[in-house]
Amino acid sequence: MDFRIGQGYDVHKLAAGLPMWLGGVLVPSENGFVAHSDGDVAIHALCDALLGALALGDIGKLFPDTSDEWKGADSKELLRIVMKKVRECGWEVSNVDITVALQAPKIGPLVPQMCEALASVMNVDKSRISIKATTAERLGFVGRGEGCECWAVALLHKIPAL
């Protein structure tokens, strides 16, 4: 069986009064992500991992932050588009693994809901989605509550020809 692996990374600054979308879920928080789209760092990193696995560039190439078309975009829709490209190229998701570094709020209790949301958008079983939440132990910009970092890895397998 033919496999491909891709890795993605995203970071966004936090600011008061903005919504915090993470893993396709609206997180209760006084702060949200400063971004051209909805700023969902988990989905953005995941899109980069999926695109990277197939050498299709990155999320900025596909959805430029200079385009009004993507201003305020729902990142779940961006992921749907990326998944369509993945399948059009003849590939399917084996699994994805996402790590979110955020000092506050604590998102651990929302991880199952995030896995469900991503699985639904990607049209895969939720057992193929892993999301881990961590803090930065009060170190660096994440630890000071200034932003959020996210890493994603995606393993794809070739869809057998019929």
N, C-alpha and C. Protein backbone atom coordinates (compact mmCIF):
# COMPACT_ATOMS: atom_id res chain seq x y z
N MET A 1 0.85 -1.18 0.00
CA MET A 1 0.00 0.00 0.00
C MET A 1 0.89 1.24 0.00
N ASP A 2 0.47 2.25 -0.73
CA ASP A 2 1.22 3.49 -0.85
C ASP A 2 0.75 4.47 0.22
N PHE A 3 1.69 5.06 0.95
CA PHE A 3 1.37 6.01 2.02
C PHE A 3 2.07 7.34 1.76
N ARG A 4 1.49 8.40 2.29
CA ARG A 4 2.10 9.73 2.30
C ARG A 4 1.85 10.33 3.68
N ILE A 5 2.82 11.08 4.17
CA ILE A 5 2.67 11.76 5.45
C ILE A 5 2.93 13.25 5.25
N GLY A 6 2.16 14.06 5.93
CA GLY A 6 2.34 15.50 5.87
C GLY A 6 2.30 16.09 7.27
N GLN A 7 2.97 17.21 7.42
CA GLN A 7 3.04 17.89 8.73
C GLN A 7 2.61 19.32 8.53
N GLY A 8 1.84 19.85 9.50
CA GLY A 8 1.39 21.23 9.40
C GLY A 8 1.58 21.96 10.72
N TYR A 9 1.67 23.27 10.62
CA TYR A 9 1.86 24.13 11.80
C TYR A 9 1.09 25.41 11.56
N ASP A 10 0.48 25.93 12.63
CA ASP A 10 -0.15 27.25 12.54
C ASP A 10 -0.08 27.92 13.90
N VAL A 11 -0.13 29.23 13.87
CA VAL A 11 -0.08 30.04 15.08
C VAL A 11 -0.95 31.27 14.86
N HIS A 12 -1.68 31.67 15.90
CA HIS A 12 -2.45 32.90 15.83
C HIS A 12 -2.37 33.64 17.14
N LYS A 13 -2.40 34.96 17.02
CA LYS A 13 -2.42 35.84 18.18
C LYS A 13 -3.82 35.83 18.78
N LEU A 14 -3.89 36.01 20.09
CA LEU A 14 -5.16 36.13 20.80
C LEU A 14 -5.47 37.59 21.08
N ALA A 15 -6.77 37.94 21.01
CA ALA A 15 -7.22 39.29 21.35
C ALA A 15 -8.61 39.20 21.98
N ALA A 16 -8.88 40.14 22.86
CA ALA A 16 -10.17 40.17 23.56
C ALA A 16 -11.31 40.46 22.60
N GLY A 17 -12.45 39.83 22.90
CA GLY A 17 -13.67 40.12 22.18
C GLY A 17 -13.86 39.39 20.86
N LEU A 18 -12.92 38.53 20.49
CA LEU A 18 -13.05 37.77 19.25
C LEU A 18 -13.48 36.34 19.56
N PRO A 19 -14.16 35.68 18.63
CA PRO A 19 -14.54 34.28 18.87
C PRO A 19 -13.32 33.37 18.77
N MET A 20 -13.35 32.29 19.54
CA MET A 20 -12.28 31.29 19.49
C MET A 20 -12.82 30.00 18.89
N TRP A 21 -12.56 29.81 17.60
CA TRP A 21 -12.90 28.55 16.93
C TRP A 21 -11.68 27.66 16.97
N LEU A 22 -11.86 26.44 17.43
CA LEU A 22 -10.74 25.51 17.55
C LEU A 22 -11.24 24.10 17.28
N GLY A 23 -10.65 23.45 16.29
CA GLY A 23 -11.08 22.11 15.93
C GLY A 23 -12.52 22.05 15.49
N GLY A 24 -13.00 23.15 14.91
CA GLY A 24 -14.36 23.20 14.42
C GLY A 24 -15.41 23.48 15.48
N VAL A 25 -14.96 23.81 16.70
CA VAL A 25 -15.85 24.04 17.84
C VAL A 25 -15.65 25.46 18.36
N LEU A 26 -16.74 26.13 18.70
CA LEU A 26 -16.65 27.45 19.31
C LEU A 26 -16.34 27.26 20.79
N VAL A 27 -15.17 27.74 21.21
CA VAL A 27 -14.69 27.56 22.58
C VAL A 27 -15.11 28.78 23.42
N PRO A 28 -15.75 28.55 24.55
CA PRO A 28 -16.09 29.68 25.43
C PRO A 28 -14.81 30.34 25.94
N SER A 29 -14.63 31.61 25.60
CA SER A 29 -13.41 32.31 25.97
C SER A 29 -13.61 33.81 25.80
N GLU A 30 -12.94 34.58 26.64
CA GLU A 30 -12.96 36.03 26.49
C GLU A 30 -12.08 36.48 25.33
N ASN A 31 -11.14 35.62 24.92
CA ASN A 31 -10.21 35.93 23.84
C ASN A 31 -10.45 35.01 22.66
N GLY A 32 -10.14 35.53 21.47
CA GLY A 32 -10.24 34.73 20.25
C GLY A 32 -9.05 35.01 19.36
N PHE A 33 -9.05 34.39 18.20
CA PHE A 33 -7.90 34.46 17.31
C PHE A 33 -7.99 35.63 16.33
N VAL A 34 -6.90 36.36 16.21
CA VAL A 34 -6.75 37.41 15.22
C VAL A 34 -6.37 36.72 13.92
N ALA A 35 -7.22 36.83 12.90
CA ALA A 35 -6.97 36.10 11.66
C ALA A 35 -7.81 36.66 10.52
N HIS A 36 -7.43 36.32 9.30
CA HIS A 36 -8.20 36.70 8.12
C HIS A 36 -9.48 35.88 8.04
N SER A 37 -9.38 34.58 8.34
CA SER A 37 -10.56 33.70 8.38
C SER A 37 -11.04 33.66 9.82
N ASP A 38 -11.65 32.54 10.23
CA ASP A 38 -12.08 32.42 11.63
C ASP A 38 -10.91 32.08 12.57
N GLY A 39 -9.73 31.82 12.01
CA GLY A 39 -8.53 31.63 12.81
C GLY A 39 -8.38 30.28 13.47
N ASP A 40 -9.12 29.27 13.04
CA ASP A 40 -9.06 27.95 13.67
C ASP A 40 -7.70 27.30 13.42
N VAL A 41 -6.78 27.49 14.36
CA VAL A 41 -5.40 27.02 14.19
C VAL A 41 -5.32 25.52 13.99
N ALA A 42 -6.20 24.76 14.64
CA ALA A 42 -6.17 23.29 14.50
C ALA A 42 -6.51 22.89 13.07
N ILE A 43 -7.56 23.48 12.53
CA ILE A 43 -7.93 23.15 11.15
C ILE A 43 -6.90 23.67 10.17
N HIS A 44 -6.34 24.83 10.42
CA HIS A 44 -5.32 25.36 9.50
C HIS A 44 -4.09 24.46 9.47
N ALA A 45 -3.62 24.02 10.63
CA ALA A 45 -2.48 23.10 10.68
C ALA A 45 -2.83 21.78 10.00
N LEU A 46 -4.05 21.30 10.21
CA LEU A 46 -4.48 20.05 9.58
C LEU A 46 -4.53 20.19 8.07
N CYS A 47 -5.07 21.29 7.57
CA CYS A 47 -5.09 21.51 6.12
C CYS A 47 -3.67 21.50 5.55
N ASP A 48 -2.73 22.16 6.23
CA ASP A 48 -1.34 22.16 5.77
C ASP A 48 -0.76 20.75 5.77
N ALA A 49 -1.08 19.95 6.77
CA ALA A 49 -0.58 18.58 6.82
C ALA A 49 -1.13 17.76 5.65
N LEU A 50 -2.42 17.88 5.39
CA LEU A 50 -3.04 17.15 4.28
C LEU A 50 -2.47 17.59 2.94
N LEU A 51 -2.37 18.89 2.73
CA LEU A 51 -1.81 19.41 1.48
C LEU A 51 -0.34 19.03 1.33
N GLY A 52 0.40 19.12 2.43
CA GLY A 52 1.82 18.78 2.39
C GLY A 52 2.07 17.32 2.04
N ALA A 53 1.21 16.43 2.51
CA ALA A 53 1.37 15.00 2.21
C ALA A 53 1.34 14.74 0.71
N LEU A 54 0.62 15.57 -0.02
CA LEU A 54 0.48 15.38 -1.47
C LEU A 54 1.24 16.43 -2.27
N ALA A 55 2.11 17.19 -1.60
CA ALA A 55 2.92 18.23 -2.25
C ALA A 55 2.04 19.21 -3.03
N LEU A 56 0.91 19.61 -2.41
CA LEU A 56 -0.03 20.54 -3.04
C LEU A 56 0.11 21.96 -2.49
N GLY A 57 1.23 22.26 -1.87
CA GLY A 57 1.44 23.59 -1.34
C GLY A 57 0.93 23.71 0.08
N ASP A 58 0.39 24.88 0.42
CA ASP A 58 -0.08 25.09 1.79
C ASP A 58 -1.38 25.87 1.76
N ILE A 59 -1.94 26.06 2.93
CA ILE A 59 -3.24 26.73 3.06
C ILE A 59 -3.19 28.17 2.54
N GLY A 60 -2.05 28.84 2.70
CA GLY A 60 -1.91 30.20 2.21
C GLY A 60 -1.93 30.29 0.70
N LYS A 61 -1.44 29.26 0.04
CA LYS A 61 -1.46 29.22 -1.42
C LYS A 61 -2.89 28.99 -1.93
N LEU A 62 -3.61 28.10 -1.25
CA LEU A 62 -4.96 27.75 -1.68
C LEU A 62 -6.00 28.80 -1.27
N PHE A 63 -5.81 29.37 -0.08
CA PHE A 63 -6.77 30.35 0.47
C PHE A 63 -5.99 31.58 0.94
N PRO A 64 -5.50 32.42 0.03
CA PRO A 64 -4.65 33.54 0.41
C PRO A 64 -5.35 34.54 1.33
N ASP A 65 -4.59 35.03 2.32
CA ASP A 65 -5.17 36.00 3.26
C ASP A 65 -5.25 37.40 2.66
N THR A 66 -4.92 37.51 1.39
CA THR A 66 -5.07 38.77 0.67
C THR A 66 -6.37 38.79 -0.14
N SER A 67 -7.11 37.67 -0.11
CA SER A 67 -8.32 37.53 -0.89
C SER A 67 -9.56 37.82 -0.04
N ASP A 68 -10.42 38.70 -0.53
CA ASP A 68 -11.68 38.99 0.16
C ASP A 68 -12.58 37.76 0.20
N GLU A 69 -12.40 36.85 -0.76
CA GLU A 69 -13.22 35.63 -0.81
C GLU A 69 -13.12 34.82 0.49
N TRP A 70 -11.95 34.85 1.14
CA TRP A 70 -11.72 34.03 2.32
C TRP A 70 -11.78 34.82 3.62
N LYS A 71 -12.10 36.12 3.54
CA LYS A 71 -12.20 36.94 4.75
C LYS A 71 -13.34 36.42 5.63
N GLY A 72 -13.03 36.11 6.87
CA GLY A 72 -14.03 35.60 7.81
C GLY A 72 -14.49 34.19 7.51
N ALA A 73 -13.77 33.47 6.63
CA ALA A 73 -14.19 32.13 6.21
C ALA A 73 -14.27 31.16 7.38
N ASP A 74 -15.24 30.28 7.31
CA ASP A 74 -15.38 29.17 8.24
C ASP A 74 -14.32 28.13 7.87
N SER A 75 -13.40 27.86 8.77
CA SER A 75 -12.31 26.95 8.47
C SER A 75 -12.79 25.53 8.17
N LYS A 76 -13.95 25.17 8.66
CA LYS A 76 -14.50 23.85 8.33
C LYS A 76 -14.73 23.75 6.82
N GLU A 77 -15.14 24.86 6.19
CA GLU A 77 -15.33 24.87 4.75
C GLU A 77 -13.98 24.73 4.03
N LEU A 78 -12.95 25.36 4.56
CA LEU A 78 -11.61 25.21 3.97
C LEU A 78 -11.18 23.75 4.03
N LEU A 79 -11.43 23.09 5.16
CA LEU A 79 -11.08 21.68 5.31
C LEU A 79 -11.88 20.81 4.34
N ARG A 80 -13.15 21.13 4.13
CA ARG A 80 -13.96 20.37 3.14
C ARG A 80 -13.32 20.45 1.76
N ILE A 81 -12.88 21.64 1.39
CA ILE A 81 -12.26 21.84 0.08
C ILE A 81 -10.96 21.06 -0.02
N VAL A 82 -10.15 21.10 1.04
CA VAL A 82 -8.89 20.35 1.05
C VAL A 82 -9.16 18.85 0.94
N MET A 83 -10.14 18.36 1.69
CA MET A 83 -10.45 16.93 1.63
C MET A 83 -10.94 16.52 0.24
N LYS A 84 -11.67 17.40 -0.42
CA LYS A 84 -12.11 17.10 -1.79
C LYS A 84 -10.89 16.94 -2.70
N LYS A 85 -9.90 17.81 -2.55
CA LYS A 85 -8.67 17.72 -3.34
C LYS A 85 -7.92 16.42 -3.04
N VAL A 86 -7.85 16.06 -1.75
CA VAL A 86 -7.17 14.83 -1.35
C VAL A 86 -7.81 13.63 -2.07
N ARG A 87 -9.13 13.57 -2.03
CA ARG A 87 -9.83 12.43 -2.65
C ARG A 87 -9.76 12.48 -4.17
N GLU A 88 -9.80 13.67 -4.75
CA GLU A 88 -9.66 13.79 -6.21
C GLU A 88 -8.31 13.29 -6.69
N CYS A 89 -7.31 13.38 -5.82
CA CYS A 89 -5.97 12.90 -6.15
C CYS A 89 -5.84 11.39 -5.90
N GLY A 90 -6.90 10.77 -5.38
CA GLY A 90 -6.89 9.31 -5.19
C GLY A 90 -6.39 8.85 -3.84
N TRP A 91 -6.49 9.71 -2.82
CA TRP A 91 -5.99 9.39 -1.48
C TRP A 91 -7.10 9.45 -0.45
N GLU A 92 -6.87 8.79 0.68
CA GLU A 92 -7.79 8.79 1.80
C GLU A 92 -6.99 8.95 3.09
N VAL A 93 -7.64 9.46 4.12
CA VAL A 93 -7.00 9.68 5.41
C VAL A 93 -6.89 8.35 6.17
N SER A 94 -5.67 8.02 6.58
CA SER A 94 -5.47 6.89 7.49
C SER A 94 -5.69 7.37 8.91
N ASN A 95 -5.00 8.44 9.28
CA ASN A 95 -5.23 9.07 10.58
C ASN A 95 -4.58 10.45 10.61
N VAL A 96 -5.06 11.26 11.54
CA VAL A 96 -4.46 12.57 11.79
C VAL A 96 -4.21 12.71 13.29
N ASP A 97 -3.16 13.42 13.63
CA ASP A 97 -2.80 13.66 15.02
C ASP A 97 -2.50 15.15 15.17
N ILE A 98 -3.20 15.80 16.08
CA ILE A 98 -3.11 17.25 16.25
C ILE A 98 -2.74 17.57 17.69
N THR A 99 -1.81 18.50 17.88
CA THR A 99 -1.46 18.99 19.21
C THR A 99 -1.71 20.49 19.25
N VAL A 100 -2.50 20.92 20.24
CA VAL A 100 -2.83 22.33 20.42
C VAL A 100 -2.14 22.82 21.69
N ALA A 101 -1.34 23.88 21.59
CA ALA A 101 -0.70 24.51 22.75
C ALA A 101 -1.42 25.83 23.02
N LEU A 102 -2.12 25.86 24.15
CA LEU A 102 -2.92 27.03 24.53
C LEU A 102 -2.92 27.11 26.05
N GLN A 103 -2.52 28.24 26.59
CA GLN A 103 -2.45 28.37 28.05
C GLN A 103 -3.84 28.39 28.68
N ALA A 104 -4.75 29.17 28.08
CA ALA A 104 -6.12 29.26 28.61
C ALA A 104 -7.03 29.69 27.47
N PRO A 105 -8.24 29.21 27.45
CA PRO A 105 -8.87 28.34 28.44
C PRO A 105 -8.43 26.89 28.26
N LYS A 106 -8.72 26.07 29.24
CA LYS A 106 -8.44 24.64 29.16
C LYS A 106 -9.43 24.02 28.16
N ILE A 107 -8.90 23.34 27.16
CA ILE A 107 -9.77 22.80 26.11
C ILE A 107 -9.93 21.29 26.18
N GLY A 108 -9.24 20.64 27.11
CA GLY A 108 -9.32 19.19 27.22
C GLY A 108 -10.74 18.64 27.20
N PRO A 109 -11.67 19.23 27.96
CA PRO A 109 -13.04 18.72 27.96
C PRO A 109 -13.74 18.82 26.60
N LEU A 110 -13.25 19.69 25.71
CA LEU A 110 -13.87 19.87 24.39
C LEU A 110 -13.26 18.98 23.31
N VAL A 111 -12.19 18.27 23.64
CA VAL A 111 -11.50 17.45 22.64
C VAL A 111 -12.43 16.42 21.97
N PRO A 112 -13.26 15.68 22.71
CA PRO A 112 -14.15 14.74 22.01
C PRO A 112 -15.08 15.42 21.01
N GLN A 113 -15.59 16.60 21.37
CA GLN A 113 -16.46 17.35 20.47
C GLN A 113 -15.68 17.80 19.23
N MET A 114 -14.42 18.20 19.42
CA MET A 114 -13.58 18.61 18.29
C MET A 114 -13.32 17.43 17.36
N CYS A 115 -13.03 16.27 17.93
CA CYS A 115 -12.80 15.07 17.11
C CYS A 115 -14.04 14.74 16.29
N GLU A 116 -15.21 14.83 16.91
CA GLU A 116 -16.47 14.59 16.20
C GLU A 116 -16.66 15.59 15.06
N ALA A 117 -16.39 16.87 15.34
CA ALA A 117 -16.56 17.91 14.32
C ALA A 117 -15.65 17.67 13.12
N LEU A 118 -14.38 17.39 13.39
CA LEU A 118 -13.43 17.16 12.30
C LEU A 118 -13.78 15.90 11.52
N ALA A 119 -14.13 14.83 12.22
CA ALA A 119 -14.50 13.58 11.55
C ALA A 119 -15.69 13.80 10.63
N SER A 120 -16.65 14.58 11.09
CA SER A 120 -17.84 14.86 10.28
C SER A 120 -17.48 15.64 9.01
N VAL A 121 -16.68 16.67 9.18
CA VAL A 121 -16.27 17.49 8.02
C VAL A 121 -15.44 16.67 7.04
N MET A 122 -14.55 15.82 7.57
CA MET A 122 -13.65 15.04 6.74
C MET A 122 -14.29 13.76 6.20
N ASN A 123 -15.46 13.42 6.74
CA ASN A 123 -16.16 12.19 6.37
C ASN A 123 -15.28 10.95 6.62
N VAL A 124 -14.73 10.92 7.84
CA VAL A 124 -13.94 9.76 8.29
C VAL A 124 -14.45 9.35 9.67
N ASP A 125 -14.12 8.15 10.09
CA ASP A 125 -14.49 7.70 11.43
C ASP A 125 -13.70 8.50 12.45
N LYS A 126 -14.34 8.84 13.56
CA LYS A 126 -13.67 9.66 14.58
C LYS A 126 -12.46 8.95 15.20
N SER A 127 -12.37 7.63 15.04
CA SER A 127 -11.21 6.91 15.56
C SER A 127 -9.94 7.25 14.78
N ARG A 128 -10.08 7.93 13.66
CA ARG A 128 -8.93 8.34 12.85
C ARG A 128 -8.41 9.72 13.24
N ILE A 129 -9.06 10.37 14.20
CA ILE A 129 -8.72 11.73 14.60
C ILE A 129 -8.22 11.73 16.04
N SER A 130 -7.03 12.28 16.26
CA SER A 130 -6.48 12.45 17.60
C SER A 130 -6.18 13.93 17.82
N ILE A 131 -6.65 14.45 18.94
CA ILE A 131 -6.34 15.83 19.31
C ILE A 131 -5.84 15.82 20.75
N LYS A 132 -4.71 16.45 20.96
CA LYS A 132 -4.12 16.55 22.29
C LYS A 132 -4.00 18.03 22.66
N ALA A 133 -4.31 18.34 23.91
CA ALA A 133 -4.22 19.72 24.39
C ALA A 133 -3.09 19.82 25.40
N THR A 134 -2.33 20.89 25.29
CA THR A 134 -1.26 21.13 26.24
C THR A 134 -1.16 22.63 26.51
N THR A 135 -0.47 22.97 27.58
CA THR A 135 -0.15 24.37 27.85
C THR A 135 1.33 24.55 27.56
N ALA A 136 1.81 25.75 27.76
CA ALA A 136 3.24 26.02 27.58
C ALA A 136 3.91 26.26 28.93
N GLU A 137 3.25 25.81 29.99
CA GLU A 137 3.81 25.95 31.34
C GLU A 137 4.21 27.40 31.63
N ARG A 138 3.40 28.33 31.11
CA ARG A 138 3.58 29.77 31.29
C ARG A 138 4.86 30.31 30.64
N LEU A 139 5.42 29.57 29.69
CA LEU A 139 6.63 30.00 28.98
C LEU A 139 6.29 30.55 27.60
N GLY A 140 7.01 31.56 27.15
CA GLY A 140 6.86 32.11 25.81
C GLY A 140 5.52 32.78 25.58
N PHE A 141 5.25 33.10 24.30
CA PHE A 141 4.02 33.83 23.97
C PHE A 141 2.77 33.01 24.27
N VAL A 142 2.84 31.69 24.11
CA VAL A 142 1.69 30.85 24.45
C VAL A 142 1.47 30.88 25.97
N GLY A 143 2.53 30.71 26.72
CA GLY A 143 2.44 30.71 28.17
C GLY A 143 1.96 32.01 28.77
N ARG A 144 2.26 33.11 28.07
CA ARG A 144 1.79 34.43 28.54
C ARG A 144 0.35 34.71 28.10
N GLY A 145 -0.25 33.78 27.38
CA GLY A 145 -1.64 33.96 26.92
C GLY A 145 -1.77 34.89 25.74
N GLU A 146 -0.69 35.06 24.97
CA GLU A 146 -0.71 35.97 23.83
C GLU A 146 -1.13 35.29 22.53
N GLY A 147 -1.05 33.96 22.50
CA GLY A 147 -1.35 33.25 21.26
C GLY A 147 -1.51 31.76 21.47
N CYS A 148 -1.70 31.08 20.36
CA CYS A 148 -1.91 29.63 20.35
C CYS A 148 -1.10 29.04 19.21
N GLU A 149 -0.50 27.89 19.46
CA GLU A 149 0.24 27.15 18.44
C GLU A 149 -0.43 25.80 18.23
N CYS A 150 -0.30 25.30 17.01
CA CYS A 150 -0.87 23.99 16.72
C CYS A 150 -0.01 23.26 15.70
N TRP A 151 0.19 21.96 15.95
CA TRP A 151 0.91 21.08 15.04
C TRP A 151 -0.02 19.97 14.62
N ALA A 152 0.08 19.55 13.37
CA ALA A 152 -0.74 18.44 12.88
C ALA A 152 0.09 17.53 11.98
N VAL A 153 -0.20 16.25 12.05
CA VAL A 153 0.40 15.25 11.18
C VAL A 153 -0.74 14.47 10.55
N ALA A 154 -0.65 14.23 9.25
CA ALA A 154 -1.67 13.45 8.55
C ALA A 154 -1.00 12.32 7.78
N LEU A 155 -1.52 11.13 7.95
CA LEU A 155 -1.08 9.97 7.18
C LEU A 155 -2.18 9.62 6.19
N LEU A 156 -1.81 9.57 4.91
CA LEU A 156 -2.76 9.24 3.85
C LEU A 156 -2.38 7.92 3.20
N HIS A 157 -3.38 7.21 2.71
CA HIS A 157 -3.11 5.99 1.94
C HIS A 157 -3.79 6.09 0.59
N LYS A 158 -3.18 5.48 -0.40
CA LYS A 158 -3.70 5.51 -1.76
C LYS A 158 -4.96 4.67 -1.82
N ILE A 159 -5.98 5.21 -2.47
CA ILE A 159 -7.22 4.46 -2.68
C ILE A 159 -6.96 3.46 -3.81
N PRO A 160 -7.18 2.17 -3.55
CA PRO A 160 -6.94 1.16 -4.59
C PRO A 160 -7.84 1.40 -5.81
N ALA A 161 -7.27 1.23 -6.99
CA ALA A 161 -8.03 1.38 -8.22
C ALA A 161 -9.02 0.21 -8.33
N LEU A 162 -10.19 0.51 -8.85
CA LEU A 162 -11.21 -0.54 -9.00
C LEU A 162 -10.99 -1.36 -10.24
